[in-house]
Amino acid sequence: MALFSSMELTNLQDLFVEQLQDLYDAENRLVDALPKMLDAATDKQLKAAFKDHLKETKQHVSRLETAFQQLGCDAKRESCEAMKGLIKEGEKMVDAKGDPAVKDAALIAAAQRVEHYEMAGYGTARSFADQLGHHQIAQLLQQTLDEEGNANKTLSKVAESWVNIHASQA
């Protein structure tokens, strides 16, 4: 959702669609950003986590397109300023120089910020869908929310089992 915009929200349905458009933009931006993070990572487990999440993120885009279709709306992107900022921060980590383990830890930190943002967005959208009686869409959003949570847990596991240990020794 654009900050300080003059959008008009007359009902929860309008807000719900706007939230889906925001998530749709965020996921599409992430589809473009994840390959750069994958290339920048050196840890094999981290590379695998980014590769798996890229596949999931493409499915998230598809699920959102299904949600729009079920609502009878065109799949439209509302510029997600938050994701733009998170990706910009992540690009700093991608371009960073220095110890590879420390850089991997930085990539994980940036990726987890993204996951937490997405979990908040999907949780809110799912609640709106339930309130509005869009139960099938709520299930789609919950499936994505679960995958975002699992991606975050995977990143934590990679960080805590290997990457952070090596980064602390740099």
N, C-alpha and C. Protein backbone atom coordinates (compact mmCIF):
# COMPACT_ATOMS: atom_id res chain seq x y z
N MET A 1 0.85 -1.16 0.00
CA MET A 1 0.00 0.00 0.00
C MET A 1 0.90 1.23 0.00
N ALA A 2 0.64 2.15 -0.90
CA ALA A 2 1.44 3.36 -0.98
C ALA A 2 1.19 4.23 0.24
N LEU A 3 2.28 4.76 0.80
CA LEU A 3 2.14 5.63 1.97
C LEU A 3 1.58 6.97 1.54
N PHE A 4 0.72 7.53 2.37
CA PHE A 4 0.18 8.87 2.18
C PHE A 4 -0.52 9.04 0.84
N SER A 5 -1.15 7.99 0.36
CA SER A 5 -1.88 8.10 -0.89
C SER A 5 -3.27 8.63 -0.60
N SER A 6 -3.96 8.98 -1.64
CA SER A 6 -5.31 9.50 -1.48
C SER A 6 -6.35 8.48 -1.95
N MET A 7 -6.06 7.21 -1.76
CA MET A 7 -7.00 6.19 -2.19
C MET A 7 -8.27 6.30 -1.37
N GLU A 8 -9.33 5.81 -1.95
CA GLU A 8 -10.61 5.80 -1.25
C GLU A 8 -10.98 4.35 -0.94
N LEU A 9 -11.21 4.10 0.31
CA LEU A 9 -11.60 2.77 0.77
C LEU A 9 -13.00 2.90 1.37
N THR A 10 -13.98 2.46 0.62
CA THR A 10 -15.36 2.63 1.08
C THR A 10 -15.89 1.43 1.85
N ASN A 11 -15.21 0.30 1.70
CA ASN A 11 -15.67 -0.91 2.41
C ASN A 11 -14.51 -1.90 2.53
N LEU A 12 -14.73 -2.93 3.32
CA LEU A 12 -13.68 -3.92 3.56
C LEU A 12 -13.30 -4.66 2.28
N GLN A 13 -14.24 -4.85 1.37
CA GLN A 13 -13.94 -5.50 0.09
C GLN A 13 -12.91 -4.68 -0.69
N ASP A 14 -13.08 -3.36 -0.72
CA ASP A 14 -12.09 -2.51 -1.40
C ASP A 14 -10.71 -2.67 -0.77
N LEU A 15 -10.68 -2.65 0.56
CA LEU A 15 -9.41 -2.80 1.26
C LEU A 15 -8.79 -4.17 0.99
N PHE A 16 -9.62 -5.20 0.99
CA PHE A 16 -9.15 -6.56 0.73
C PHE A 16 -8.50 -6.65 -0.65
N VAL A 17 -9.16 -6.13 -1.67
CA VAL A 17 -8.62 -6.18 -3.03
C VAL A 17 -7.31 -5.39 -3.09
N GLU A 18 -7.28 -4.23 -2.42
CA GLU A 18 -6.05 -3.44 -2.40
C GLU A 18 -4.91 -4.22 -1.76
N GLN A 19 -5.20 -4.93 -0.68
CA GLN A 19 -4.18 -5.74 0.00
C GLN A 19 -3.67 -6.86 -0.92
N LEU A 20 -4.58 -7.48 -1.65
CA LEU A 20 -4.17 -8.53 -2.60
C LEU A 20 -3.28 -7.94 -3.70
N GLN A 21 -3.62 -6.74 -4.18
CA GLN A 21 -2.81 -6.09 -5.21
C GLN A 21 -1.42 -5.77 -4.69
N ASP A 22 -1.35 -5.35 -3.44
CA ASP A 22 -0.07 -5.06 -2.80
C ASP A 22 0.76 -6.34 -2.68
N LEU A 23 0.14 -7.41 -2.22
CA LEU A 23 0.84 -8.68 -2.11
C LEU A 23 1.28 -9.19 -3.48
N TYR A 24 0.45 -9.00 -4.48
CA TYR A 24 0.77 -9.44 -5.84
C TYR A 24 2.01 -8.72 -6.35
N ASP A 25 2.09 -7.42 -6.10
CA ASP A 25 3.28 -6.66 -6.49
C ASP A 25 4.50 -7.15 -5.70
N ALA A 26 4.31 -7.35 -4.40
CA ALA A 26 5.42 -7.79 -3.55
C ALA A 26 5.98 -9.13 -4.03
N GLU A 27 5.10 -10.07 -4.31
CA GLU A 27 5.56 -11.40 -4.75
C GLU A 27 6.26 -11.33 -6.11
N ASN A 28 5.73 -10.52 -7.02
CA ASN A 28 6.37 -10.39 -8.32
C ASN A 28 7.76 -9.76 -8.19
N ARG A 29 7.89 -8.80 -7.30
CA ARG A 29 9.21 -8.19 -7.06
C ARG A 29 10.18 -9.22 -6.48
N LEU A 30 9.65 -10.07 -5.61
CA LEU A 30 10.49 -11.09 -4.99
C LEU A 30 10.94 -12.15 -6.00
N VAL A 31 10.08 -12.46 -6.96
CA VAL A 31 10.47 -13.40 -8.03
C VAL A 31 11.71 -12.86 -8.76
N ASP A 32 11.78 -11.55 -8.92
CA ASP A 32 12.94 -10.94 -9.58
C ASP A 32 14.16 -10.86 -8.67
N ALA A 33 13.94 -10.69 -7.36
CA ALA A 33 15.05 -10.48 -6.42
C ALA A 33 15.70 -11.77 -5.94
N LEU A 34 14.92 -12.82 -5.77
CA LEU A 34 15.47 -14.06 -5.21
C LEU A 34 16.62 -14.67 -6.01
N PRO A 35 16.58 -14.65 -7.35
CA PRO A 35 17.74 -15.20 -8.08
C PRO A 35 19.04 -14.47 -7.76
N LYS A 36 18.98 -13.17 -7.49
CA LYS A 36 20.18 -12.42 -7.15
C LYS A 36 20.70 -12.85 -5.78
N MET A 37 19.78 -13.10 -4.85
CA MET A 37 20.19 -13.56 -3.52
C MET A 37 20.77 -14.97 -3.61
N LEU A 38 20.17 -15.79 -4.44
CA LEU A 38 20.66 -17.15 -4.66
C LEU A 38 22.08 -17.12 -5.21
N ASP A 39 22.32 -16.28 -6.18
CA ASP A 39 23.66 -16.17 -6.77
C ASP A 39 24.68 -15.63 -5.77
N ALA A 40 24.24 -14.73 -4.89
CA ALA A 40 25.16 -14.10 -3.94
C ALA A 40 25.51 -15.01 -2.76
N ALA A 41 24.63 -15.96 -2.45
CA ALA A 41 24.87 -16.86 -1.32
C ALA A 41 25.99 -17.83 -1.63
N THR A 42 26.76 -18.21 -0.58
CA THR A 42 27.82 -19.19 -0.76
C THR A 42 27.50 -20.51 -0.06
N ASP A 43 26.74 -20.47 1.02
CA ASP A 43 26.38 -21.68 1.75
C ASP A 43 25.41 -22.52 0.93
N LYS A 44 25.70 -23.82 0.81
CA LYS A 44 24.85 -24.71 0.00
C LYS A 44 23.42 -24.79 0.52
N GLN A 45 23.27 -24.86 1.84
CA GLN A 45 21.92 -24.93 2.41
C GLN A 45 21.15 -23.64 2.16
N LEU A 46 21.83 -22.52 2.24
CA LEU A 46 21.19 -21.24 1.98
C LEU A 46 20.78 -21.13 0.52
N LYS A 47 21.68 -21.55 -0.38
CA LYS A 47 21.34 -21.55 -1.80
C LYS A 47 20.10 -22.42 -2.04
N ALA A 48 20.05 -23.59 -1.42
CA ALA A 48 18.90 -24.47 -1.58
C ALA A 48 17.62 -23.83 -1.04
N ALA A 49 17.74 -23.14 0.09
CA ALA A 49 16.56 -22.47 0.68
C ALA A 49 16.05 -21.38 -0.26
N PHE A 50 16.95 -20.60 -0.83
CA PHE A 50 16.54 -19.55 -1.76
C PHE A 50 15.93 -20.16 -3.03
N LYS A 51 16.52 -21.23 -3.51
CA LYS A 51 16.00 -21.88 -4.72
C LYS A 51 14.59 -22.44 -4.47
N ASP A 52 14.41 -23.11 -3.35
CA ASP A 52 13.08 -23.65 -3.01
C ASP A 52 12.07 -22.53 -2.84
N HIS A 53 12.49 -21.44 -2.19
CA HIS A 53 11.54 -20.36 -1.96
C HIS A 53 11.19 -19.62 -3.24
N LEU A 54 12.10 -19.59 -4.18
CA LEU A 54 11.79 -19.00 -5.48
C LEU A 54 10.66 -19.79 -6.15
N LYS A 55 10.76 -21.12 -6.12
CA LYS A 55 9.68 -21.95 -6.68
C LYS A 55 8.37 -21.67 -5.97
N GLU A 56 8.40 -21.60 -4.64
CA GLU A 56 7.19 -21.32 -3.87
C GLU A 56 6.64 -19.93 -4.20
N THR A 57 7.52 -18.96 -4.34
CA THR A 57 7.09 -17.59 -4.61
C THR A 57 6.35 -17.52 -5.94
N LYS A 58 6.80 -18.25 -6.92
CA LYS A 58 6.09 -18.31 -8.20
C LYS A 58 4.70 -18.91 -7.99
N GLN A 59 4.57 -19.89 -7.10
CA GLN A 59 3.26 -20.45 -6.77
C GLN A 59 2.40 -19.43 -6.04
N HIS A 60 3.02 -18.59 -5.21
CA HIS A 60 2.29 -17.55 -4.49
C HIS A 60 1.68 -16.57 -5.48
N VAL A 61 2.43 -16.21 -6.51
CA VAL A 61 1.92 -15.34 -7.57
C VAL A 61 0.71 -16.00 -8.22
N SER A 62 0.84 -17.27 -8.54
CA SER A 62 -0.26 -18.00 -9.18
C SER A 62 -1.49 -18.07 -8.28
N ARG A 63 -1.29 -18.29 -6.99
CA ARG A 63 -2.42 -18.33 -6.05
C ARG A 63 -3.15 -16.99 -5.99
N LEU A 64 -2.37 -15.93 -5.99
CA LEU A 64 -2.98 -14.60 -5.98
C LEU A 64 -3.78 -14.37 -7.26
N GLU A 65 -3.26 -14.84 -8.38
CA GLU A 65 -4.01 -14.73 -9.64
C GLU A 65 -5.31 -15.51 -9.56
N THR A 66 -5.28 -16.67 -8.91
CA THR A 66 -6.50 -17.45 -8.69
C THR A 66 -7.48 -16.68 -7.81
N ALA A 67 -6.97 -16.04 -6.78
CA ALA A 67 -7.84 -15.25 -5.90
C ALA A 67 -8.51 -14.11 -6.67
N PHE A 68 -7.75 -13.41 -7.48
CA PHE A 68 -8.34 -12.34 -8.29
C PHE A 68 -9.42 -12.90 -9.21
N GLN A 69 -9.12 -14.03 -9.82
CA GLN A 69 -10.09 -14.66 -10.72
C GLN A 69 -11.37 -15.01 -9.96
N GLN A 70 -11.25 -15.57 -8.77
CA GLN A 70 -12.42 -15.92 -7.98
C GLN A 70 -13.23 -14.69 -7.57
N LEU A 71 -12.55 -13.57 -7.43
CA LEU A 71 -13.23 -12.32 -7.09
C LEU A 71 -13.82 -11.63 -8.32
N GLY A 72 -13.47 -12.13 -9.50
CA GLY A 72 -13.94 -11.50 -10.73
C GLY A 72 -13.17 -10.23 -11.07
N CYS A 73 -11.94 -10.14 -10.58
CA CYS A 73 -11.08 -8.96 -10.80
C CYS A 73 -9.89 -9.34 -11.67
N ASP A 74 -9.36 -8.34 -12.34
CA ASP A 74 -8.10 -8.54 -13.04
C ASP A 74 -6.98 -8.57 -12.00
N ALA A 75 -5.99 -9.40 -12.26
CA ALA A 75 -4.80 -9.43 -11.39
C ALA A 75 -4.02 -8.15 -11.67
N LYS A 76 -4.05 -7.25 -10.70
CA LYS A 76 -3.44 -5.93 -10.86
C LYS A 76 -2.46 -5.70 -9.71
N ARG A 77 -1.35 -5.06 -10.02
CA ARG A 77 -0.34 -4.76 -9.01
C ARG A 77 -0.52 -3.35 -8.48
N GLU A 78 -0.55 -3.24 -7.16
CA GLU A 78 -0.49 -1.96 -6.46
C GLU A 78 0.92 -1.87 -5.92
N SER A 79 1.66 -0.84 -6.30
CA SER A 79 3.07 -0.75 -5.93
C SER A 79 3.26 -0.94 -4.43
N CYS A 80 4.06 -1.92 -4.08
CA CYS A 80 4.33 -2.25 -2.68
C CYS A 80 5.62 -1.55 -2.25
N GLU A 81 5.44 -0.39 -1.64
CA GLU A 81 6.59 0.41 -1.24
C GLU A 81 7.44 -0.31 -0.19
N ALA A 82 6.78 -1.04 0.69
CA ALA A 82 7.53 -1.78 1.72
C ALA A 82 8.46 -2.81 1.10
N MET A 83 7.94 -3.58 0.14
CA MET A 83 8.79 -4.59 -0.50
C MET A 83 9.90 -3.93 -1.30
N LYS A 84 9.61 -2.80 -1.92
CA LYS A 84 10.68 -2.08 -2.63
C LYS A 84 11.82 -1.78 -1.66
N GLY A 85 11.47 -1.29 -0.47
CA GLY A 85 12.49 -0.97 0.52
C GLY A 85 13.23 -2.18 1.02
N LEU A 86 12.50 -3.25 1.28
CA LEU A 86 13.13 -4.48 1.77
C LEU A 86 14.09 -5.06 0.72
N ILE A 87 13.67 -5.00 -0.53
CA ILE A 87 14.53 -5.51 -1.60
C ILE A 87 15.76 -4.61 -1.76
N LYS A 88 15.57 -3.31 -1.63
CA LYS A 88 16.71 -2.39 -1.71
C LYS A 88 17.73 -2.70 -0.62
N GLU A 89 17.24 -2.98 0.60
CA GLU A 89 18.15 -3.38 1.68
C GLU A 89 18.84 -4.69 1.34
N GLY A 90 18.09 -5.64 0.78
CA GLY A 90 18.67 -6.91 0.40
C GLY A 90 19.73 -6.77 -0.68
N GLU A 91 19.52 -5.83 -1.60
CA GLU A 91 20.51 -5.60 -2.66
C GLU A 91 21.84 -5.11 -2.09
N LYS A 92 21.78 -4.38 -0.99
CA LYS A 92 23.03 -3.96 -0.33
C LYS A 92 23.80 -5.18 0.15
N MET A 93 23.09 -6.18 0.63
CA MET A 93 23.74 -7.41 1.10
C MET A 93 24.28 -8.21 -0.09
N VAL A 94 23.53 -8.24 -1.16
CA VAL A 94 23.97 -8.94 -2.37
C VAL A 94 25.27 -8.34 -2.88
N ASP A 95 25.37 -7.02 -2.84
CA ASP A 95 26.55 -6.32 -3.37
C ASP A 95 27.69 -6.18 -2.37
N ALA A 96 27.47 -6.59 -1.14
CA ALA A 96 28.47 -6.41 -0.08
C ALA A 96 29.74 -7.22 -0.37
N LYS A 97 30.83 -6.69 0.09
CA LYS A 97 32.13 -7.37 0.02
C LYS A 97 32.45 -7.88 1.42
N GLY A 98 33.39 -8.79 1.51
CA GLY A 98 33.84 -9.26 2.81
C GLY A 98 33.76 -10.76 2.96
N ASP A 99 33.77 -11.21 4.20
CA ASP A 99 33.76 -12.64 4.50
C ASP A 99 32.47 -13.29 4.00
N PRO A 100 32.58 -14.39 3.26
CA PRO A 100 31.39 -15.04 2.71
C PRO A 100 30.37 -15.48 3.76
N ALA A 101 30.82 -15.96 4.90
CA ALA A 101 29.88 -16.40 5.93
C ALA A 101 29.12 -15.21 6.52
N VAL A 102 29.80 -14.10 6.69
CA VAL A 102 29.14 -12.89 7.20
C VAL A 102 28.14 -12.39 6.16
N LYS A 103 28.52 -12.45 4.91
CA LYS A 103 27.61 -12.04 3.84
C LYS A 103 26.38 -12.96 3.81
N ASP A 104 26.58 -14.26 3.97
CA ASP A 104 25.44 -15.18 4.02
C ASP A 104 24.53 -14.85 5.20
N ALA A 105 25.12 -14.52 6.35
CA ALA A 105 24.31 -14.13 7.52
C ALA A 105 23.51 -12.86 7.20
N ALA A 106 24.11 -11.94 6.48
CA ALA A 106 23.41 -10.71 6.09
C ALA A 106 22.28 -11.01 5.12
N LEU A 107 22.50 -11.92 4.20
CA LEU A 107 21.45 -12.31 3.26
C LEU A 107 20.27 -12.95 3.99
N ILE A 108 20.57 -13.78 4.97
CA ILE A 108 19.51 -14.41 5.77
C ILE A 108 18.73 -13.33 6.52
N ALA A 109 19.43 -12.38 7.11
CA ALA A 109 18.74 -11.31 7.84
C ALA A 109 17.79 -10.54 6.92
N ALA A 110 18.27 -10.22 5.73
CA ALA A 110 17.43 -9.49 4.76
C ALA A 110 16.23 -10.34 4.34
N ALA A 111 16.47 -11.63 4.09
CA ALA A 111 15.39 -12.51 3.66
C ALA A 111 14.35 -12.69 4.76
N GLN A 112 14.79 -12.77 6.01
CA GLN A 112 13.84 -12.94 7.10
C GLN A 112 12.98 -11.69 7.29
N ARG A 113 13.52 -10.54 7.04
CA ARG A 113 12.70 -9.32 7.08
C ARG A 113 11.57 -9.42 6.05
N VAL A 114 11.92 -9.90 4.87
CA VAL A 114 10.92 -10.08 3.82
C VAL A 114 9.86 -11.09 4.27
N GLU A 115 10.29 -12.21 4.82
CA GLU A 115 9.33 -13.23 5.26
C GLU A 115 8.37 -12.69 6.31
N HIS A 116 8.88 -11.93 7.24
CA HIS A 116 8.02 -11.39 8.29
C HIS A 116 7.02 -10.39 7.72
N TYR A 117 7.45 -9.59 6.77
CA TYR A 117 6.53 -8.67 6.10
C TYR A 117 5.43 -9.45 5.38
N GLU A 118 5.83 -10.47 4.66
CA GLU A 118 4.85 -11.26 3.92
C GLU A 118 3.88 -11.97 4.86
N MET A 119 4.39 -12.51 5.95
CA MET A 119 3.50 -13.18 6.92
C MET A 119 2.46 -12.21 7.45
N ALA A 120 2.86 -10.99 7.75
CA ALA A 120 1.91 -9.99 8.23
C ALA A 120 0.86 -9.69 7.16
N GLY A 121 1.30 -9.52 5.94
CA GLY A 121 0.37 -9.22 4.85
C GLY A 121 -0.60 -10.34 4.57
N TYR A 122 -0.10 -11.56 4.52
CA TYR A 122 -0.98 -12.70 4.24
C TYR A 122 -1.93 -12.97 5.41
N GLY A 123 -1.46 -12.79 6.63
CA GLY A 123 -2.34 -12.98 7.77
C GLY A 123 -3.50 -12.00 7.76
N THR A 124 -3.21 -10.76 7.46
CA THR A 124 -4.24 -9.72 7.38
C THR A 124 -5.22 -10.03 6.25
N ALA A 125 -4.69 -10.33 5.07
CA ALA A 125 -5.55 -10.61 3.92
C ALA A 125 -6.42 -11.84 4.17
N ARG A 126 -5.86 -12.85 4.80
CA ARG A 126 -6.64 -14.04 5.12
C ARG A 126 -7.79 -13.71 6.07
N SER A 127 -7.52 -12.89 7.06
CA SER A 127 -8.57 -12.47 7.99
C SER A 127 -9.68 -11.70 7.27
N PHE A 128 -9.28 -10.80 6.37
CA PHE A 128 -10.28 -10.07 5.59
C PHE A 128 -11.11 -11.02 4.74
N ALA A 129 -10.44 -11.99 4.10
CA ALA A 129 -11.16 -12.96 3.25
C ALA A 129 -12.19 -13.72 4.06
N ASP A 130 -11.80 -14.19 5.24
CA ASP A 130 -12.75 -14.90 6.11
C ASP A 130 -13.92 -14.02 6.49
N GLN A 131 -13.63 -12.79 6.88
CA GLN A 131 -14.69 -11.86 7.30
C GLN A 131 -15.67 -11.60 6.16
N LEU A 132 -15.17 -11.54 4.95
CA LEU A 132 -16.00 -11.26 3.78
C LEU A 132 -16.68 -12.51 3.20
N GLY A 133 -16.39 -13.67 3.77
CA GLY A 133 -17.00 -14.90 3.28
C GLY A 133 -16.29 -15.52 2.08
N HIS A 134 -15.10 -15.08 1.80
CA HIS A 134 -14.32 -15.64 0.69
C HIS A 134 -13.45 -16.78 1.24
N HIS A 135 -14.10 -17.85 1.64
CA HIS A 135 -13.40 -18.91 2.37
C HIS A 135 -12.40 -19.68 1.52
N GLN A 136 -12.69 -19.87 0.23
CA GLN A 136 -11.71 -20.54 -0.63
C GLN A 136 -10.45 -19.69 -0.79
N ILE A 137 -10.64 -18.39 -0.93
CA ILE A 137 -9.49 -17.49 -1.04
C ILE A 137 -8.73 -17.48 0.28
N ALA A 138 -9.45 -17.50 1.39
CA ALA A 138 -8.80 -17.55 2.70
C ALA A 138 -7.91 -18.78 2.81
N GLN A 139 -8.38 -19.91 2.28
CA GLN A 139 -7.57 -21.14 2.31
C GLN A 139 -6.31 -20.98 1.47
N LEU A 140 -6.44 -20.35 0.30
CA LEU A 140 -5.27 -20.11 -0.54
C LEU A 140 -4.25 -19.23 0.19
N LEU A 141 -4.76 -18.19 0.82
CA LEU A 141 -3.88 -17.26 1.54
C LEU A 141 -3.23 -17.94 2.75
N GLN A 142 -3.98 -18.80 3.42
CA GLN A 142 -3.42 -19.54 4.56
C GLN A 142 -2.32 -20.48 4.10
N GLN A 143 -2.51 -21.11 2.95
CA GLN A 143 -1.48 -22.01 2.42
C GLN A 143 -0.18 -21.23 2.18
N THR A 144 -0.31 -20.05 1.60
CA THR A 144 0.86 -19.22 1.37
C THR A 144 1.46 -18.74 2.68
N LEU A 145 0.61 -18.34 3.61
CA LEU A 145 1.08 -17.92 4.93
C LEU A 145 1.89 -19.03 5.60
N ASP A 146 1.41 -20.25 5.52
CA ASP A 146 2.13 -21.39 6.09
C ASP A 146 3.50 -21.57 5.41
N GLU A 147 3.54 -21.42 4.10
CA GLU A 147 4.80 -21.57 3.38
C GLU A 147 5.78 -20.45 3.73
N GLU A 148 5.27 -19.25 3.91
CA GLU A 148 6.15 -18.14 4.32
C GLU A 148 6.74 -18.42 5.71
N GLY A 149 5.91 -18.92 6.61
CA GLY A 149 6.39 -19.28 7.94
C GLY A 149 7.43 -20.38 7.89
N ASN A 150 7.21 -21.36 7.05
CA ASN A 150 8.19 -22.45 6.90
C ASN A 150 9.49 -21.95 6.29
N ALA A 151 9.40 -21.03 5.34
CA ALA A 151 10.62 -20.46 4.75
C ALA A 151 11.41 -19.71 5.82
N ASN A 152 10.72 -18.99 6.68
CA ASN A 152 11.39 -18.28 7.77
C ASN A 152 12.07 -19.26 8.72
N LYS A 153 11.39 -20.35 9.05
CA LYS A 153 11.98 -21.37 9.92
C LYS A 153 13.21 -22.00 9.28
N THR A 154 13.14 -22.25 7.98
CA THR A 154 14.28 -22.82 7.26
C THR A 154 15.47 -21.87 7.32
N LEU A 155 15.21 -20.59 7.10
CA LEU A 155 16.29 -19.61 7.17
C LEU A 155 16.91 -19.56 8.57
N SER A 156 16.06 -19.64 9.59
CA SER A 156 16.58 -19.66 10.98
C SER A 156 17.45 -20.89 11.21
N LYS A 157 16.99 -22.02 10.71
CA LYS A 157 17.75 -23.27 10.88
C LYS A 157 19.11 -23.17 10.20
N VAL A 158 19.13 -22.67 8.98
CA VAL A 158 20.39 -22.51 8.25
C VAL A 158 21.31 -21.55 9.01
N ALA A 159 20.75 -20.46 9.48
CA ALA A 159 21.56 -19.47 10.21
C ALA A 159 22.13 -20.07 11.49
N GLU A 160 21.29 -20.70 12.27
CA GLU A 160 21.70 -21.16 13.59
C GLU A 160 22.54 -22.43 13.56
N SER A 161 22.38 -23.26 12.54
CA SER A 161 23.13 -24.51 12.51
C SER A 161 24.51 -24.37 11.85
N TRP A 162 24.71 -23.31 11.10
CA TRP A 162 25.96 -23.27 10.36
C TRP A 162 26.46 -21.84 10.09
N VAL A 163 25.64 -21.05 9.42
CA VAL A 163 26.10 -19.76 8.90
C VAL A 163 26.53 -18.82 10.03
N ASN A 164 25.71 -18.65 11.05
CA ASN A 164 26.07 -17.71 12.12
C ASN A 164 27.31 -18.16 12.89
N ILE A 165 27.49 -19.47 13.01
CA ILE A 165 28.68 -19.99 13.68
C ILE A 165 29.94 -19.57 12.92
N HIS A 166 29.90 -19.76 11.59
CA HIS A 166 31.04 -19.38 10.77
C HIS A 166 31.21 -17.85 10.70
N ALA A 167 30.10 -17.14 10.69
CA ALA A 167 30.18 -15.68 10.65
C ALA A 167 30.81 -15.13 11.94
N SER A 168 30.52 -15.78 13.06
CA SER A 168 31.08 -15.31 14.33
C SER A 168 32.58 -15.57 14.43
N GLN A 169 33.09 -16.45 13.61
CA GLN A 169 34.52 -16.76 13.62
C GLN A 169 35.32 -15.94 12.62
N ALA A 170 34.61 -15.12 11.86
CA ALA A 170 35.28 -14.31 10.84
C ALA A 170 36.04 -13.15 11.48
